[in-house]
């Protein structure tokens, strides 16, 4: 039996999370957890209080902590918050 088939059988009848809502190992699907959620450029711009084009420019110039997944840019809210608290300058994270 393949690992995928084993996973399907072992998860039969369980409510599995939607894509992007990972389950921590050792935790059952559906249990409450602190999700590791990323925010996009629009949300980051709102959080910072600037325009999206400014956020894109800051990412290009490596002035803001960002994560690229394929061609999309995301931000960890905790890291972005720490960056803002540190004065929002490059090299603080």
Protein backbone atom coordinates (compact mmCIF):
# COMPACT_ATOMS: atom_id res chain seq x y z
CA UNK A 1 0.00 0.00 0.00
CA UNK A 2 1.36 3.45 -0.92
CA UNK A 3 1.79 6.23 1.64
CA UNK A 4 -1.03 8.18 -0.03
CA UNK A 5 -3.39 5.21 0.24
CA UNK A 6 -2.42 4.77 3.92
CA UNK A 7 -3.11 8.46 4.54
CA UNK A 8 -6.52 8.25 2.88
CA UNK A 9 -7.46 5.19 4.93
CA UNK A 10 -6.15 6.63 8.23
CA UNK A 11 -7.97 9.94 7.61
CA UNK A 12 -11.26 8.36 6.55
CA UNK A 13 -14.13 10.05 8.32
CA UNK A 14 -12.01 12.91 9.67
CA UNK A 15 -12.58 16.53 8.71
CA UNK A 16 -9.38 17.66 7.09
CA UNK A 17 -8.27 21.31 6.95
CA UNK A 18 -8.59 23.40 3.84
CA UNK A 19 -5.45 24.17 1.89
CA UNK A 20 -3.34 26.66 3.82
CA UNK A 21 -4.68 25.56 7.21
CA UNK A 22 -2.05 23.08 8.30
CA UNK A 23 -2.43 20.71 11.19
CA UNK A 24 0.40 20.51 13.69
CA UNK A 25 1.87 16.98 13.89
CA UNK A 26 0.24 15.06 16.74
CA UNK A 27 -2.88 17.21 16.54
CA UNK A 28 -6.18 16.01 15.17
CA UNK A 29 -7.77 17.86 12.27
CA UNK A 30 -10.35 20.32 13.50
CA UNK A 31 -8.59 21.07 16.81
CA UNK A 32 -7.99 24.73 17.52
CA UNK A 33 -4.45 25.91 16.98
CA UNK A 34 -2.62 29.12 16.29
CA UNK A 35 -2.49 29.07 12.49
CA UNK A 36 0.71 30.03 10.78
CA UNK A 37 -0.97 32.49 8.49
CA UNK A 38 0.78 34.67 5.95
CA UNK A 39 -0.54 37.99 4.73
CA UNK A 40 -0.31 39.36 1.20
CA UNK A 41 0.97 42.70 -0.09
CA UNK A 42 -2.43 44.41 0.22
CA UNK A 43 -2.77 43.39 3.87
CA UNK A 44 0.83 44.36 4.61
CA UNK A 45 0.26 47.79 3.05
CA UNK A 46 -2.79 48.27 5.27
CA UNK A 47 -0.81 47.14 8.33
CA UNK A 48 2.05 49.53 7.57
CA UNK A 49 -0.17 52.37 6.39
CA UNK A 50 1.25 52.87 2.92
CA UNK A 51 0.45 52.13 -0.70
CA UNK A 52 0.96 48.67 -2.25
CA UNK A 53 3.49 50.07 -4.73
CA UNK A 54 5.58 51.28 -1.77
CA UNK A 55 5.52 47.78 -0.27
CA UNK A 56 6.66 46.28 -3.61
CA UNK A 57 9.50 48.81 -3.77
CA UNK A 58 10.56 48.04 -0.19
CA UNK A 59 10.60 44.30 -1.00
CA UNK A 60 12.73 44.92 -4.11
CA UNK A 61 15.19 46.94 -2.03
CA UNK A 62 15.13 44.33 0.78
CA UNK A 63 13.96 46.95 3.29
CA UNK A 64 11.12 44.84 4.68
CA UNK A 65 11.01 41.18 5.83
CA UNK A 66 9.13 39.27 3.14
CA UNK A 67 8.76 35.74 1.82
CA UNK A 68 8.45 34.89 -1.86
CA UNK A 69 6.51 31.81 -2.87
CA UNK A 70 6.93 31.35 -6.59
CA UNK A 71 6.10 34.80 -7.95
CA UNK A 72 3.93 35.92 -5.01
CA UNK A 73 5.08 37.95 -2.02
CA UNK A 74 3.88 37.20 1.52
CA UNK A 75 4.66 38.46 4.99
CA UNK A 76 4.71 36.82 8.42
CA UNK A 77 2.52 39.12 10.55
CA UNK A 78 4.71 38.58 13.63
CA UNK A 79 7.91 39.48 11.77
CA UNK A 80 6.25 42.48 10.15
CA UNK A 81 4.99 43.65 13.53
CA UNK A 82 8.48 43.25 15.07
CA UNK A 83 9.94 45.16 12.11
CA UNK A 84 7.49 48.00 12.69
CA UNK A 85 8.21 48.09 16.43
CA UNK A 86 11.96 48.26 15.68
CA UNK A 87 11.40 51.39 13.62
CA UNK A 88 10.73 49.78 10.27
CA UNK A 89 14.30 49.89 9.08
CA UNK A 90 16.23 47.39 6.99
CA UNK A 91 18.40 44.96 8.87
CA UNK A 92 16.37 45.02 12.09
CA UNK A 93 15.02 41.49 11.65
